[in-house]
Amino acid sequence: MAAVRRLACPTSSTVELLRYTESARGAVYRFGYNYQKIGIILSNFVPADHRQQGIFVEGPNERLLTLSGVIDRLNARHGRDRVRLASQSFTPDWGHRSC
């Protein structure tokens, strides 16, 4: 089973990306099944300075982009995943594979 979510406009905001992933997860999750893992595929990347907004779509939330940047810099300085959002798991019971 799969779910596809298209972003209204490109973003690098962790908060916004998590909203979309939670929405997709909720669409495919079925109560009573013993799930092992879930995979997320991201595509159609564009550089931040090449973002093109739609006419009728509000642009990315600059405050969330700033927050994501601060979190990224803290993690770069102090180690991967040292700072997380409250909605993210703090103790994963399985590891992920980096591509």
PDB file of N, CA and C in Angstrom:
ATOM      1  N   MET A   1       0.847  -1.172   0.000  1.00  0.00           N
ATOM      2  CA  MET A   1       0.000   0.000   0.000  1.00  0.00           C
ATOM      3  C   MET A   1       0.893   1.237   0.000  1.00  0.00           C
ATOM      4  N   ALA A   2       0.481   2.257  -0.699  1.00  0.00           N
ATOM      5  CA  ALA A   2       1.291   3.470  -0.814  1.00  0.00           C
ATOM      6  C   ALA A   2       0.397   4.701  -0.749  1.00  0.00           C
ATOM      7  N   ALA A   3       0.991   5.805  -0.389  1.00  0.00           N
ATOM      8  CA  ALA A   3       0.305   7.094  -0.376  1.00  0.00           C
ATOM      9  C   ALA A   3       1.253   8.131  -0.963  1.00  0.00           C
ATOM     10  N   VAL A   4       0.720   9.018  -1.771  1.00  0.00           N
ATOM     11  CA  VAL A   4       1.519  10.068  -2.400  1.00  0.00           C
ATOM     12  C   VAL A   4       1.033  11.414  -1.885  1.00  0.00           C
ATOM     13  N   ARG A   5       1.962  12.249  -1.506  1.00  0.00           N
ATOM     14  CA  ARG A   5       1.641  13.606  -1.083  1.00  0.00           C
ATOM     15  C   ARG A   5       2.476  14.566  -1.920  1.00  0.00           C
ATOM     16  N   ARG A   6       1.834  15.550  -2.495  1.00  0.00           N
ATOM     17  CA  ARG A   6       2.542  16.572  -3.274  1.00  0.00           C
ATOM     18  C   ARG A   6       2.530  17.869  -2.475  1.00  0.00           C
ATOM     19  N   LEU A   7       3.695  18.430  -2.307  1.00  0.00           N
ATOM     20  CA  LEU A   7       3.804  19.680  -1.571  1.00  0.00           C
ATOM     21  C   LEU A   7       3.279  20.823  -2.422  1.00  0.00           C
ATOM     22  N   ALA A   8       2.605  21.764  -1.772  1.00  0.00           N
ATOM     23  CA  ALA A   8       2.065  22.919  -2.490  1.00  0.00           C
ATOM     24  C   ALA A   8       3.190  23.765  -3.077  1.00  0.00           C
ATOM     25  N   CYS A   9       4.283  23.868  -2.344  1.00  0.00           N
ATOM     26  CA  CYS A   9       5.467  24.562  -2.839  1.00  0.00           C
ATOM     27  C   CYS A   9       6.687  23.884  -2.227  1.00  0.00           C
ATOM     28  N   PRO A  10       7.837  23.954  -2.872  1.00  0.00           N
ATOM     29  CA  PRO A  10       9.033  23.309  -2.329  1.00  0.00           C
ATOM     30  C   PRO A  10       9.384  23.862  -0.948  1.00  0.00           C
ATOM     31  N   THR A  11       9.888  22.995  -0.084  1.00  0.00           N
ATOM     32  CA  THR A  11      10.283  23.424   1.249  1.00  0.00           C
ATOM     33  C   THR A  11      11.426  22.563   1.756  1.00  0.00           C
ATOM     34  N   SER A  12      12.218  23.121   2.638  1.00  0.00           N
ATOM     35  CA  SER A  12      13.235  22.350   3.339  1.00  0.00           C
ATOM     36  C   SER A  12      12.930  22.338   4.836  1.00  0.00           C
ATOM     37  N   SER A  13      11.726  22.747   5.185  1.00  0.00           N
ATOM     38  CA  SER A  13      11.309  22.799   6.577  1.00  0.00           C
ATOM     39  C   SER A  13      10.995  21.398   7.090  1.00  0.00           C
ATOM     40  N   THR A  14      11.727  20.981   8.116  1.00  0.00           N
ATOM     41  CA  THR A  14      11.487  19.681   8.723  1.00  0.00           C
ATOM     42  C   THR A  14      10.064  19.587   9.247  1.00  0.00           C
ATOM     43  N   VAL A  15       9.556  20.658   9.836  1.00  0.00           N
ATOM     44  CA  VAL A  15       8.201  20.669  10.383  1.00  0.00           C
ATOM     45  C   VAL A  15       7.178  20.398   9.283  1.00  0.00           C
ATOM     46  N   GLU A  16       7.294  21.095   8.170  1.00  0.00           N
ATOM     47  CA  GLU A  16       6.347  20.898   7.074  1.00  0.00           C
ATOM     48  C   GLU A  16       6.475  19.510   6.461  1.00  0.00           C
ATOM     49  N   LEU A  17       7.700  19.027   6.287  1.00  0.00           N
ATOM     50  CA  LEU A  17       7.896  17.689   5.725  1.00  0.00           C
ATOM     51  C   LEU A  17       7.311  16.617   6.639  1.00  0.00           C
ATOM     52  N   LEU A  18       7.450  16.787   7.957  1.00  0.00           N
ATOM     53  CA  LEU A  18       6.864  15.821   8.886  1.00  0.00           C
ATOM     54  C   LEU A  18       5.343  15.826   8.822  1.00  0.00           C
ATOM     55  N   ARG A  19       4.744  16.984   8.595  1.00  0.00           N
ATOM     56  CA  ARG A  19       3.279  17.039   8.444  1.00  0.00           C
ATOM     57  C   ARG A  19       2.824  16.187   7.266  1.00  0.00           C
ATOM     58  N   TYR A  20       3.536  16.301   6.160  1.00  0.00           N
ATOM     59  CA  TYR A  20       3.183  15.515   4.978  1.00  0.00           C
ATOM     60  C   TYR A  20       3.407  14.023   5.208  1.00  0.00           C
ATOM     61  N   THR A  21       4.511  13.664   5.862  1.00  0.00           N
ATOM     62  CA  THR A  21       4.772  12.244   6.093  1.00  0.00           C
ATOM     63  C   THR A  21       3.762  11.651   7.064  1.00  0.00           C
ATOM     64  N   GLU A  22       3.364  12.401   8.075  1.00  0.00           N
ATOM     65  CA  GLU A  22       2.346  11.911   9.004  1.00  0.00           C
ATOM     66  C   GLU A  22       1.008  11.727   8.301  1.00  0.00           C
ATOM     67  N   SER A  23       0.685  12.638   7.401  1.00  0.00           N
ATOM     68  CA  SER A  23      -0.549  12.521   6.625  1.00  0.00           C
ATOM     69  C   SER A  23      -0.526  11.263   5.765  1.00  0.00           C
ATOM     70  N   ALA A  24       0.601  11.006   5.112  1.00  0.00           N
ATOM     71  CA  ALA A  24       0.725   9.811   4.266  1.00  0.00           C
ATOM     72  C   ALA A  24       0.684   8.547   5.112  1.00  0.00           C
ATOM     73  N   ARG A  25       1.373   8.564   6.235  1.00  0.00           N
ATOM     74  CA  ARG A  25       1.366   7.398   7.118  1.00  0.00           C
ATOM     75  C   ARG A  25      -0.045   7.103   7.608  1.00  0.00           C
ATOM     76  N   GLY A  26      -0.764   8.149   7.964  1.00  0.00           N
ATOM     77  CA  GLY A  26      -2.136   7.966   8.423  1.00  0.00           C
ATOM     78  C   GLY A  26      -3.050   7.395   7.352  1.00  0.00           C
ATOM     79  N   ALA A  27      -2.747   7.684   6.095  1.00  0.00           N
ATOM     80  CA  ALA A  27      -3.574   7.185   4.995  1.00  0.00           C
ATOM     81  C   ALA A  27      -3.382   5.692   4.756  1.00  0.00           C
ATOM     82  N   VAL A  28      -2.215   5.156   5.075  1.00  0.00           N
ATOM     83  CA  VAL A  28      -1.955   3.737   4.807  1.00  0.00           C
ATOM     84  C   VAL A  28      -1.999   2.872   6.063  1.00  0.00           C
ATOM     85  N   TYR A  29      -1.928   3.466   7.234  1.00  0.00           N
ATOM     86  CA  TYR A  29      -1.913   2.705   8.479  1.00  0.00           C
ATOM     87  C   TYR A  29      -3.262   2.036   8.715  1.00  0.00           C
ATOM     88  N   ARG A  30      -3.213   0.787   9.116  1.00  0.00           N
ATOM     89  CA  ARG A  30      -4.420   0.037   9.467  1.00  0.00           C
ATOM     90  C   ARG A  30      -4.227  -0.544  10.857  1.00  0.00           C
ATOM     91  N   PHE A  31      -5.177  -0.288  11.727  1.00  0.00           N
ATOM     92  CA  PHE A  31      -5.112  -0.785  13.098  1.00  0.00           C
ATOM     93  C   PHE A  31      -5.121  -2.313  13.101  1.00  0.00           C
ATOM     94  N   GLY A  32      -4.325  -2.888  13.965  1.00  0.00           N
ATOM     95  CA  GLY A  32      -4.310  -4.333  14.124  1.00  0.00           C
ATOM     96  C   GLY A  32      -3.204  -5.050  13.374  1.00  0.00           C
ATOM     97  N   TYR A  33      -2.505  -4.350  12.490  1.00  0.00           N
ATOM     98  CA  TYR A  33      -1.393  -4.961  11.764  1.00  0.00           C
ATOM     99  C   TYR A  33      -0.096  -4.708  12.522  1.00  0.00           C
ATOM    100  N   ASN A  34       0.797  -5.675  12.497  1.00  0.00           N
ATOM    101  CA  ASN A  34       2.085  -5.547  13.165  1.00  0.00           C
ATOM    102  C   ASN A  34       3.113  -5.043  12.153  1.00  0.00           C
ATOM    103  N   TYR A  35       3.240  -3.738  12.033  1.00  0.00           N
ATOM    104  CA  TYR A  35       4.161  -3.139  11.071  1.00  0.00           C
ATOM    105  C   TYR A  35       5.594  -3.239  11.564  1.00  0.00           C
ATOM    106  N   GLN A  36       6.524  -3.454  10.646  1.00  0.00           N
ATOM    107  CA  GLN A  36       7.939  -3.511  10.984  1.00  0.00           C
ATOM    108  C   GLN A  36       8.625  -2.182  10.682  1.00  0.00           C
ATOM    109  N   LYS A  37       8.456  -1.696   9.466  1.00  0.00           N
ATOM    110  CA  LYS A  37       9.093  -0.448   9.044  1.00  0.00           C
ATOM    111  C   LYS A  37       8.195   0.253   8.034  1.00  0.00           C
ATOM    112  N   ILE A  38       8.516   1.507   7.804  1.00  0.00           N
ATOM    113  CA  ILE A  38       7.828   2.275   6.775  1.00  0.00           C
ATOM    114  C   ILE A  38       8.907   3.017   5.987  1.00  0.00           C
ATOM    115  N   GLY A  39       8.704   3.154   4.712  1.00  0.00           N
ATOM    116  CA  GLY A  39       9.673   3.857   3.877  1.00  0.00           C
ATOM    117  C   GLY A  39       9.082   5.130   3.313  1.00  0.00           C
ATOM    118  N   ILE A  40       9.899   6.139   3.208  1.00  0.00           N
ATOM    119  CA  ILE A  40       9.491   7.418   2.639  1.00  0.00           C
ATOM    120  C   ILE A  40      10.419   7.711   1.462  1.00  0.00           C
ATOM    121  N   ILE A  41       9.849   8.045   0.328  1.00  0.00           N
ATOM    122  CA  ILE A  41      10.637   8.402  -0.844  1.00  0.00           C
ATOM    123  C   ILE A  41      10.368   9.866  -1.170  1.00  0.00           C
ATOM    124  N   LEU A  42      11.424  10.644  -1.261  1.00  0.00           N
ATOM    125  CA  LEU A  42      11.314  12.054  -1.624  1.00  0.00           C
ATOM    126  C   LEU A  42      11.901  12.230  -3.015  1.00  0.00           C
ATOM    127  N   SER A  43      11.284  13.096  -3.818  1.00  0.00           N
ATOM    128  CA  SER A  43      11.779  13.305  -5.179  1.00  0.00           C
ATOM    129  C   SER A  43      11.530  14.740  -5.626  1.00  0.00           C
ATOM    130  N   ASN A  44      12.023  15.056  -6.808  1.00  0.00           N
ATOM    131  CA  ASN A  44      11.848  16.378  -7.423  1.00  0.00           C
ATOM    132  C   ASN A  44      12.478  17.494  -6.593  1.00  0.00           C
ATOM    133  N   PHE A  45      13.707  17.293  -6.176  1.00  0.00           N
ATOM    134  CA  PHE A  45      14.425  18.296  -5.397  1.00  0.00           C
ATOM    135  C   PHE A  45      14.811  19.484  -6.265  1.00  0.00           C
ATOM    136  N   VAL A  46      14.776  20.666  -5.673  1.00  0.00           N
ATOM    137  CA  VAL A  46      15.243  21.878  -6.346  1.00  0.00           C
ATOM    138  C   VAL A  46      16.088  22.670  -5.353  1.00  0.00           C
ATOM    139  N   PRO A  47      17.087  23.414  -5.826  1.00  0.00           N
ATOM    140  CA  PRO A  47      17.872  24.257  -4.921  1.00  0.00           C
ATOM    141  C   PRO A  47      16.972  25.321  -4.279  1.00  0.00           C
ATOM    142  N   ALA A  48      17.306  25.693  -3.056  1.00  0.00           N
ATOM    143  CA  ALA A  48      16.484  26.659  -2.325  1.00  0.00           C
ATOM    144  C   ALA A  48      16.346  27.980  -3.058  1.00  0.00           C
ATOM    145  N   ASP A  49      17.369  28.391  -3.791  1.00  0.00           N
ATOM    146  CA  ASP A  49      17.286  29.670  -4.492  1.00  0.00           C
ATOM    147  C   ASP A  49      16.575  29.562  -5.843  1.00  0.00           C
ATOM    148  N   HIS A  50      16.082  28.381  -6.193  1.00  0.00           N
ATOM    149  CA  HIS A  50      15.339  28.191  -7.439  1.00  0.00           C
ATOM    150  C   HIS A  50      13.877  27.823  -7.191  1.00  0.00           C
ATOM    151  N   ARG A  51      13.390  28.081  -5.990  1.00  0.00           N
ATOM    152  CA  ARG A  51      11.997  27.759  -5.684  1.00  0.00           C
ATOM    153  C   ARG A  51      11.072  28.632  -6.507  1.00  0.00           C
ATOM    154  N   GLN A  52      10.068  28.008  -7.095  1.00  0.00           N
ATOM    155  CA  GLN A  52       9.072  28.758  -7.845  1.00  0.00           C
ATOM    156  C   GLN A  52       7.725  28.541  -7.176  1.00  0.00           C
ATOM    157  N   GLN A  53       7.105  29.616  -6.764  1.00  0.00           N
ATOM    158  CA  GLN A  53       5.831  29.534  -6.082  1.00  0.00           C
ATOM    159  C   GLN A  53       4.700  29.681  -7.080  1.00  0.00           C
ATOM    160  N   GLY A  54       3.579  29.064  -6.737  1.00  0.00           N
ATOM    161  CA  GLY A  54       2.394  29.211  -7.555  1.00  0.00           C
ATOM    162  C   GLY A  54       1.721  30.545  -7.296  1.00  0.00           C
ATOM    163  N   ILE A  55       0.870  30.943  -8.192  1.00  0.00           N
ATOM    164  CA  ILE A  55       0.168  32.222  -8.055  1.00  0.00           C
ATOM    165  C   ILE A  55      -0.808  32.189  -6.884  1.00  0.00           C
ATOM    166  N   PHE A  56      -1.497  31.071  -6.714  1.00  0.00           N
ATOM    167  CA  PHE A  56      -2.550  30.978  -5.710  1.00  0.00           C
ATOM    168  C   PHE A  56      -2.118  30.208  -4.467  1.00  0.00           C
ATOM    169  N   VAL A  57      -0.827  29.965  -4.331  1.00  0.00           N
ATOM    170  CA  VAL A  57      -0.317  29.185  -3.211  1.00  0.00           C
ATOM    171  C   VAL A  57       0.555  30.066  -2.336  1.00  0.00           C
ATOM    172  N   GLU A  58       0.291  30.014  -1.040  1.00  0.00           N
ATOM    173  CA  GLU A  58       1.122  30.758  -0.100  1.00  0.00           C
ATOM    174  C   GLU A  58       2.509  30.128  -0.065  1.00  0.00           C
ATOM    175  N   GLY A  59       3.520  30.938  -0.006  1.00  0.00           N
ATOM    176  CA  GLY A  59       4.901  30.446  -0.011  1.00  0.00           C
ATOM    177  C   GLY A  59       5.246  29.717   1.274  1.00  0.00           C
ATOM    178  N   PRO A  60       6.463  29.213   1.353  1.00  0.00           N
ATOM    179  CA  PRO A  60       6.883  28.482   2.545  1.00  0.00           C
ATOM    180  C   PRO A  60       6.917  29.395   3.765  1.00  0.00           C
ATOM    181  N   ASN A  61       6.677  28.819   4.912  1.00  0.00           N
ATOM    182  CA  ASN A  61       6.680  29.546   6.168  1.00  0.00           C
ATOM    183  C   ASN A  61       8.134  29.839   6.549  1.00  0.00           C
ATOM    184  N   GLU A  62       8.511  31.087   6.498  1.00  0.00           N
ATOM    185  CA  GLU A  62       9.902  31.476   6.749  1.00  0.00           C
ATOM    186  C   GLU A  62      10.335  31.174   8.181  1.00  0.00           C
ATOM    187  N   ARG A  63       9.417  31.267   9.131  1.00  0.00           N
ATOM    188  CA  ARG A  63       9.764  30.957  10.523  1.00  0.00           C
ATOM    189  C   ARG A  63      10.117  29.480  10.675  1.00  0.00           C
ATOM    190  N   LEU A  64       9.364  28.610   9.983  1.00  0.00           N
ATOM    191  CA  LEU A  64       9.658  27.180  10.047  1.00  0.00           C
ATOM    192  C   LEU A  64      10.971  26.860   9.339  1.00  0.00           C
ATOM    193  N   LEU A  65      11.247  27.560   8.240  1.00  0.00           N
ATOM    194  CA  LEU A  65      12.525  27.364   7.549  1.00  0.00           C
ATOM    195  C   LEU A  65      13.691  27.791   8.438  1.00  0.00           C
ATOM    196  N   THR A  66      13.519  28.894   9.156  1.00  0.00           N
ATOM    197  CA  THR A  66      14.554  29.366  10.077  1.00  0.00           C
ATOM    198  C   THR A  66      14.763  28.360  11.201  1.00  0.00           C
ATOM    199  N   LEU A  67      13.661  27.855  11.775  1.00  0.00           N
ATOM    200  CA  LEU A  67      13.749  26.849  12.831  1.00  0.00           C
ATOM    201  C   LEU A  67      14.490  25.606  12.337  1.00  0.00           C
ATOM    202  N   SER A  68      14.150  25.132  11.151  1.00  0.00           N
ATOM    203  CA  SER A  68      14.816  23.954  10.588  1.00  0.00           C
ATOM    204  C   SER A  68      16.305  24.211  10.395  1.00  0.00           C
ATOM    205  N   GLY A  69      16.649  25.413   9.955  1.00  0.00           N
ATOM    206  CA  GLY A  69      18.059  25.763   9.784  1.00  0.00           C
ATOM    207  C   GLY A  69      18.818  25.752  11.100  1.00  0.00           C
ATOM    208  N   VAL A  70      18.189  26.272  12.152  1.00  0.00           N
ATOM    209  CA  VAL A  70      18.822  26.282  13.473  1.00  0.00           C
ATOM    210  C   VAL A  70      19.022  24.848  13.967  1.00  0.00           C
ATOM    211  N   ILE A  71      18.004  24.013  13.817  1.00  0.00           N
ATOM    212  CA  ILE A  71      18.116  22.609  14.231  1.00  0.00           C
ATOM    213  C   ILE A  71      19.224  21.914  13.451  1.00  0.00           C
ATOM    214  N   ASP A  72      19.288  22.154  12.152  1.00  0.00           N
ATOM    215  CA  ASP A  72      20.334  21.543  11.320  1.00  0.00           C
ATOM    216  C   ASP A  72      21.732  21.968  11.767  1.00  0.00           C
ATOM    217  N   ARG A  73      21.898  23.258  12.077  1.00  0.00           N
ATOM    218  CA  ARG A  73      23.215  23.743  12.513  1.00  0.00           C
ATOM    219  C   ARG A  73      23.599  23.165  13.881  1.00  0.00           C
ATOM    220  N   LEU A  74      22.627  23.073  14.794  1.00  0.00           N
ATOM    221  CA  LEU A  74      22.910  22.474  16.102  1.00  0.00           C
ATOM    222  C   LEU A  74      23.311  21.010  15.961  1.00  0.00           C
ATOM    223  N   ASN A  75      22.601  20.288  15.106  1.00  0.00           N
ATOM    224  CA  ASN A  75      22.936  18.879  14.890  1.00  0.00           C
ATOM    225  C   ASN A  75      24.285  18.725  14.203  1.00  0.00           C
ATOM    226  N   ALA A  76      24.626  19.637  13.315  1.00  0.00           N
ATOM    227  CA  ALA A  76      25.937  19.582  12.661  1.00  0.00           C
ATOM    228  C   ALA A  76      27.055  19.814  13.677  1.00  0.00           C
ATOM    229  N   ARG A  77      26.798  20.678  14.637  1.00  0.00           N
ATOM    230  CA  ARG A  77      27.812  21.014  15.634  1.00  0.00           C
ATOM    231  C   ARG A  77      27.921  19.959  16.734  1.00  0.00           C
ATOM    232  N   HIS A  78      26.772  19.429  17.189  1.00  0.00           N
ATOM    233  CA  HIS A  78      26.762  18.560  18.372  1.00  0.00           C
ATOM    234  C   HIS A  78      26.504  17.088  18.076  1.00  0.00           C
ATOM    235  N   GLY A  79      26.284  16.737  16.834  1.00  0.00           N
ATOM    236  CA  GLY A  79      26.051  15.336  16.487  1.00  0.00           C
ATOM    237  C   GLY A  79      24.663  15.127  15.920  1.00  0.00           C
ATOM    238  N   ARG A  80      24.590  14.156  15.037  1.00  0.00           N
ATOM    239  CA  ARG A  80      23.346  13.869  14.326  1.00  0.00           C
ATOM    240  C   ARG A  80      22.208  13.529  15.291  1.00  0.00           C
ATOM    241  N   ASP A  81      21.069  14.118  15.040  1.00  0.00           N
ATOM    242  CA  ASP A  81      19.833  13.866  15.796  1.00  0.00           C
ATOM    243  C   ASP A  81      19.928  14.212  17.280  1.00  0.00           C
ATOM    244  N   ARG A  82      20.801  15.133  17.649  1.00  0.00           N
ATOM    245  CA  ARG A  82      20.862  15.575  19.043  1.00  0.00           C
ATOM    246  C   ARG A  82      19.671  16.466  19.373  1.00  0.00           C
ATOM    247  N   VAL A  83      19.218  17.233  18.396  1.00  0.00           N
ATOM    248  CA  VAL A  83      18.051  18.096  18.569  1.00  0.00           C
ATOM    249  C   VAL A  83      16.974  17.592  17.622  1.00  0.00           C
ATOM    250  N   ARG A  84      15.786  17.369  18.157  1.00  0.00           N
ATOM    251  CA  ARG A  84      14.669  16.859  17.359  1.00  0.00           C
ATOM    252  C   ARG A  84      13.400  17.611  17.716  1.00  0.00           C
ATOM    253  N   LEU A  85      12.413  17.438  16.863  1.00  0.00           N
ATOM    254  CA  LEU A  85      11.088  17.960  17.170  1.00  0.00           C
ATOM    255  C   LEU A  85      10.399  16.994  18.124  1.00  0.00           C
ATOM    256  N   ALA A  86       9.466  17.483  18.915  1.00  0.00           N
ATOM    257  CA  ALA A  86       8.767  16.620  19.867  1.00  0.00           C
ATOM    258  C   ALA A  86       7.990  15.510  19.168  1.00  0.00           C
ATOM    259  N   SER A  87       7.578  15.731  17.925  1.00  0.00           N
ATOM    260  CA  SER A  87       6.809  14.721  17.201  1.00  0.00           C
ATOM    261  C   SER A  87       7.674  13.596  16.642  1.00  0.00           C
ATOM    262  N   GLN A  88       8.994  13.742  16.720  1.00  0.00           N
ATOM    263  CA  GLN A  88       9.895  12.706  16.234  1.00  0.00           C
ATOM    264  C   GLN A  88      10.215  11.729  17.361  1.00  0.00           C
ATOM    265  N   SER A  89      10.402  10.469  17.009  1.00  0.00           N
ATOM    266  CA  SER A  89      10.740   9.442  17.990  1.00  0.00           C
ATOM    267  C   SER A  89      12.124   9.713  18.569  1.00  0.00           C
ATOM    268  N   PHE A  90      12.266   9.526  19.873  1.00  0.00           N
ATOM    269  CA  PHE A  90      13.561   9.736  20.510  1.00  0.00           C
ATOM    270  C   PHE A  90      14.343   8.442  20.678  1.00  0.00           C
ATOM    271  N   THR A  91      13.656   7.328  20.665  1.00  0.00           N
ATOM    272  CA  THR A  91      14.332   6.044  20.845  1.00  0.00           C
ATOM    273  C   THR A  91      13.849   5.061  19.791  1.00  0.00           C
ATOM    274  N   PRO A  92      14.352   5.178  18.580  1.00  0.00           N
ATOM    275  CA  PRO A  92      13.925   4.224  17.557  1.00  0.00           C
ATOM    276  C   PRO A  92      14.418   2.825  17.903  1.00  0.00           C
ATOM    277  N   ASP A  93      13.560   1.835  17.685  1.00  0.00           N
ATOM    278  CA  ASP A  93      13.956   0.465  17.982  1.00  0.00           C
ATOM    279  C   ASP A  93      14.506  -0.236  16.746  1.00  0.00           C
ATOM    280  N   TRP A  94      14.732   0.525  15.679  1.00  0.00           N
ATOM    281  CA  TRP A  94      15.370  -0.020  14.477  1.00  0.00           C
ATOM    282  C   TRP A  94      16.157   1.091  13.816  1.00  0.00           C
ATOM    283  N   GLY A  95      17.176   0.732  13.112  1.00  0.00           N
ATOM    284  CA  GLY A  95      18.014   1.708  12.432  1.00  0.00           C
ATOM    285  C   GLY A  95      17.566   1.913  11.000  1.00  0.00           C
ATOM    286  N   HIS A  96      17.878   3.060  10.451  1.00  0.00           N
ATOM    287  CA  HIS A  96      17.548   3.331   9.057  1.00  0.00           C
ATOM    288  C   HIS A  96      18.820   3.232   8.221  1.00  0.00           C
ATOM    289  N   ARG A  97      18.610   3.005   6.955  1.00  0.00           N
ATOM    290  CA  ARG A  97      19.735   2.915   6.031  1.00  0.00           C
ATOM    291  C   ARG A  97      19.828   4.217   5.257  1.00  0.00           C
ATOM    292  N   SER A  98      20.983   4.818   5.279  1.00  0.00           N
ATOM    293  CA  SER A  98      21.207   6.028   4.490  1.00  0.00           C
ATOM    294  C   SER A  98      21.625   5.634   3.090  1.00  0.00           C
ATOM    295  N   CYS A  99      21.091   6.346   2.112  1.00  0.00           N
ATOM    296  CA  CYS A  99      21.445   6.060   0.718  1.00  0.00           C
ATOM    297  C   CYS A  99      22.705   6.776   0.328  1.00  0.00           C
TER     298      CYS A  99
END
